[in-house]
Amino acid sequence: MQYAEGGHTLEADTVLFALGMKSVDLAPLKSAAEAAGLKTWVIGDAIQPGKVDQATRSAYLAGIEVGR
């Protein structure tokens, strides 16, 4: 469904947000999702700036959890 304001609603089992190229405070988004009863995982540079192997590992581990 599309709203006049430009928003959309869709049903999904899993939603992935890949947001930007720099770390920002995700606490409000995470809190809102959890308040709605959704499981959340913060991965990669959203945790703290690091190296690609650390980001890839955190994504891998979150993917395993999502698949459970």
N, C-alpha and C. Protein backbone atom coordinates (compact mmCIF):
# COMPACT_ATOMS: atom_id res chain seq x y z
N MET A 1 0.84 -1.16 0.00
CA MET A 1 0.00 0.00 0.00
C MET A 1 0.89 1.23 0.00
N GLN A 2 0.54 2.23 -0.82
CA GLN A 2 1.30 3.47 -0.87
C GLN A 2 0.49 4.58 -0.23
N TYR A 3 1.14 5.39 0.58
CA TYR A 3 0.49 6.51 1.25
C TYR A 3 0.75 7.80 0.48
N ALA A 4 -0.13 8.77 0.65
CA ALA A 4 0.00 10.06 -0.03
C ALA A 4 1.32 10.74 0.31
N GLU A 5 1.81 10.52 1.52
CA GLU A 5 3.07 11.16 1.94
C GLU A 5 4.29 10.50 1.31
N GLY A 6 4.10 9.43 0.56
CA GLY A 6 5.20 8.76 -0.11
C GLY A 6 5.67 7.50 0.58
N GLY A 7 5.12 7.17 1.76
CA GLY A 7 5.52 5.96 2.47
C GLY A 7 4.85 4.73 1.89
N HIS A 8 5.40 3.58 2.18
CA HIS A 8 4.88 2.30 1.72
C HIS A 8 4.75 1.35 2.90
N THR A 9 3.81 0.44 2.83
CA THR A 9 3.68 -0.63 3.80
C THR A 9 3.77 -1.95 3.06
N LEU A 10 4.56 -2.87 3.58
CA LEU A 10 4.64 -4.20 2.99
C LEU A 10 4.89 -5.22 4.08
N GLU A 11 4.47 -6.44 3.82
CA GLU A 11 4.71 -7.52 4.77
C GLU A 11 6.05 -8.16 4.45
N ALA A 12 6.79 -8.51 5.50
CA ALA A 12 8.09 -9.14 5.30
C ALA A 12 8.44 -9.96 6.53
N ASP A 13 9.19 -11.02 6.31
CA ASP A 13 9.72 -11.81 7.42
C ASP A 13 11.00 -11.19 7.95
N THR A 14 11.80 -10.61 7.07
CA THR A 14 13.08 -10.02 7.44
C THR A 14 13.26 -8.71 6.69
N VAL A 15 13.76 -7.69 7.37
CA VAL A 15 14.06 -6.40 6.75
C VAL A 15 15.50 -6.07 7.06
N LEU A 16 16.24 -5.65 6.06
CA LEU A 16 17.65 -5.28 6.21
C LEU A 16 17.80 -3.82 5.85
N PHE A 17 18.34 -3.02 6.76
CA PHE A 17 18.65 -1.63 6.48
C PHE A 17 20.15 -1.52 6.28
N ALA A 18 20.58 -1.04 5.14
CA ALA A 18 21.99 -0.71 4.90
C ALA A 18 22.02 0.80 4.76
N LEU A 19 22.45 1.48 5.81
CA LEU A 19 22.27 2.92 5.90
C LEU A 19 23.59 3.67 5.83
N GLY A 20 23.86 4.27 4.70
CA GLY A 20 24.94 5.24 4.58
C GLY A 20 26.34 4.71 4.69
N MET A 21 27.26 5.66 4.74
CA MET A 21 28.68 5.35 4.73
C MET A 21 29.37 5.80 6.02
N LYS A 22 28.60 6.30 7.00
CA LYS A 22 29.24 6.71 8.24
C LYS A 22 28.36 6.32 9.42
N SER A 23 28.99 6.09 10.54
CA SER A 23 28.27 5.66 11.74
C SER A 23 27.37 6.78 12.25
N VAL A 24 26.16 6.40 12.63
CA VAL A 24 25.21 7.33 13.24
C VAL A 24 24.59 6.64 14.46
N ASP A 25 23.91 7.39 15.29
CA ASP A 25 23.26 6.82 16.46
C ASP A 25 22.00 6.08 16.02
N LEU A 26 22.03 4.76 16.08
CA LEU A 26 20.90 3.94 15.68
C LEU A 26 19.98 3.60 16.84
N ALA A 27 20.28 4.11 18.04
CA ALA A 27 19.49 3.77 19.22
C ALA A 27 18.00 4.06 19.05
N PRO A 28 17.60 5.22 18.49
CA PRO A 28 16.16 5.47 18.33
C PRO A 28 15.48 4.48 17.39
N LEU A 29 16.12 4.15 16.28
CA LEU A 29 15.56 3.19 15.32
C LEU A 29 15.49 1.81 15.95
N LYS A 30 16.56 1.40 16.63
CA LYS A 30 16.59 0.09 17.30
C LYS A 30 15.52 0.01 18.37
N SER A 31 15.38 1.06 19.17
CA SER A 31 14.37 1.08 20.23
C SER A 31 12.95 1.00 19.66
N ALA A 32 12.70 1.74 18.59
CA ALA A 32 11.37 1.72 17.97
C ALA A 32 11.05 0.34 17.41
N ALA A 33 12.02 -0.30 16.78
CA ALA A 33 11.81 -1.64 16.22
C ALA A 33 11.55 -2.64 17.34
N GLU A 34 12.33 -2.58 18.40
CA GLU A 34 12.15 -3.50 19.51
C GLU A 34 10.83 -3.25 20.24
N ALA A 35 10.41 -1.99 20.33
CA ALA A 35 9.12 -1.66 20.96
C ALA A 35 7.96 -2.24 20.15
N ALA A 36 8.18 -2.40 18.84
CA ALA A 36 7.17 -3.00 17.96
C ALA A 36 7.25 -4.52 17.98
N GLY A 37 8.16 -5.07 18.80
CA GLY A 37 8.28 -6.52 18.91
C GLY A 37 9.18 -7.16 17.88
N LEU A 38 10.03 -6.36 17.24
CA LEU A 38 10.93 -6.87 16.20
C LEU A 38 12.31 -7.15 16.78
N LYS A 39 12.93 -8.24 16.34
CA LYS A 39 14.32 -8.52 16.71
C LYS A 39 15.21 -7.62 15.88
N THR A 40 16.29 -7.13 16.48
CA THR A 40 17.21 -6.27 15.74
C THR A 40 18.65 -6.70 15.98
N TRP A 41 19.48 -6.45 15.00
CA TRP A 41 20.92 -6.67 15.09
C TRP A 41 21.59 -5.46 14.49
N VAL A 42 22.59 -4.94 15.16
CA VAL A 42 23.41 -3.86 14.63
C VAL A 42 24.76 -4.48 14.29
N ILE A 43 25.23 -4.23 13.08
CA ILE A 43 26.45 -4.91 12.62
C ILE A 43 27.44 -3.93 12.01
N GLY A 44 28.64 -4.43 11.79
CA GLY A 44 29.66 -3.70 11.05
C GLY A 44 30.06 -2.38 11.70
N ASP A 45 30.28 -1.37 10.86
CA ASP A 45 30.72 -0.06 11.34
C ASP A 45 29.65 0.65 12.16
N ALA A 46 28.42 0.15 12.15
CA ALA A 46 27.39 0.74 13.01
C ALA A 46 27.68 0.45 14.48
N ILE A 47 28.43 -0.61 14.75
CA ILE A 47 28.85 -0.92 16.11
C ILE A 47 30.00 0.02 16.48
N GLN A 48 31.03 -0.01 15.68
CA GLN A 48 32.17 0.89 15.79
C GLN A 48 32.98 0.77 14.52
N PRO A 49 33.62 1.87 14.08
CA PRO A 49 34.44 1.78 12.87
C PRO A 49 35.51 0.69 13.04
N GLY A 50 35.68 -0.08 11.99
CA GLY A 50 36.64 -1.17 12.06
C GLY A 50 37.11 -1.58 10.69
N LYS A 51 37.57 -2.79 10.59
CA LYS A 51 38.08 -3.32 9.34
C LYS A 51 37.03 -4.21 8.69
N VAL A 52 37.18 -4.42 7.41
CA VAL A 52 36.18 -5.16 6.64
C VAL A 52 35.97 -6.56 7.18
N ASP A 53 37.02 -7.23 7.67
CA ASP A 53 36.84 -8.58 8.18
C ASP A 53 35.97 -8.60 9.43
N GLN A 54 36.08 -7.56 10.27
CA GLN A 54 35.23 -7.47 11.46
C GLN A 54 33.78 -7.22 11.07
N ALA A 55 33.57 -6.33 10.11
CA ALA A 55 32.21 -6.02 9.66
C ALA A 55 31.58 -7.25 9.01
N THR A 56 32.35 -7.95 8.20
CA THR A 56 31.84 -9.14 7.52
C THR A 56 31.48 -10.22 8.53
N ARG A 57 32.30 -10.40 9.53
CA ARG A 57 32.02 -11.40 10.56
C ARG A 57 30.76 -11.07 11.34
N SER A 58 30.59 -9.80 11.73
CA SER A 58 29.38 -9.45 12.47
C SER A 58 28.14 -9.63 11.60
N ALA A 59 28.25 -9.36 10.31
CA ALA A 59 27.12 -9.58 9.39
C ALA A 59 26.83 -11.08 9.26
N TYR A 60 27.86 -11.88 9.15
CA TYR A 60 27.71 -13.32 9.06
C TYR A 60 26.99 -13.89 10.29
N LEU A 61 27.45 -13.46 11.47
CA LEU A 61 26.84 -13.95 12.71
C LEU A 61 25.39 -13.49 12.84
N ALA A 62 25.10 -12.26 12.43
CA ALA A 62 23.71 -11.80 12.46
C ALA A 62 22.86 -12.59 11.47
N GLY A 63 23.41 -12.92 10.32
CA GLY A 63 22.68 -13.72 9.34
C GLY A 63 22.31 -15.09 9.88
N ILE A 64 23.22 -15.68 10.63
CA ILE A 64 22.93 -16.98 11.24
C ILE A 64 21.76 -16.84 12.23
N GLU A 65 21.78 -15.79 13.03
CA GLU A 65 20.71 -15.56 14.00
C GLU A 65 19.37 -15.30 13.30
N VAL A 66 19.39 -14.54 12.24
CA VAL A 66 18.15 -14.25 11.50
C VAL A 66 17.55 -15.54 10.95
N GLY A 67 18.41 -16.45 10.50
CA GLY A 67 17.96 -17.70 9.90
C GLY A 67 17.41 -18.71 10.90
N ARG A 68 17.56 -18.46 12.18
CA ARG A 68 17.08 -19.41 13.20
C ARG A 68 15.61 -19.32 13.41
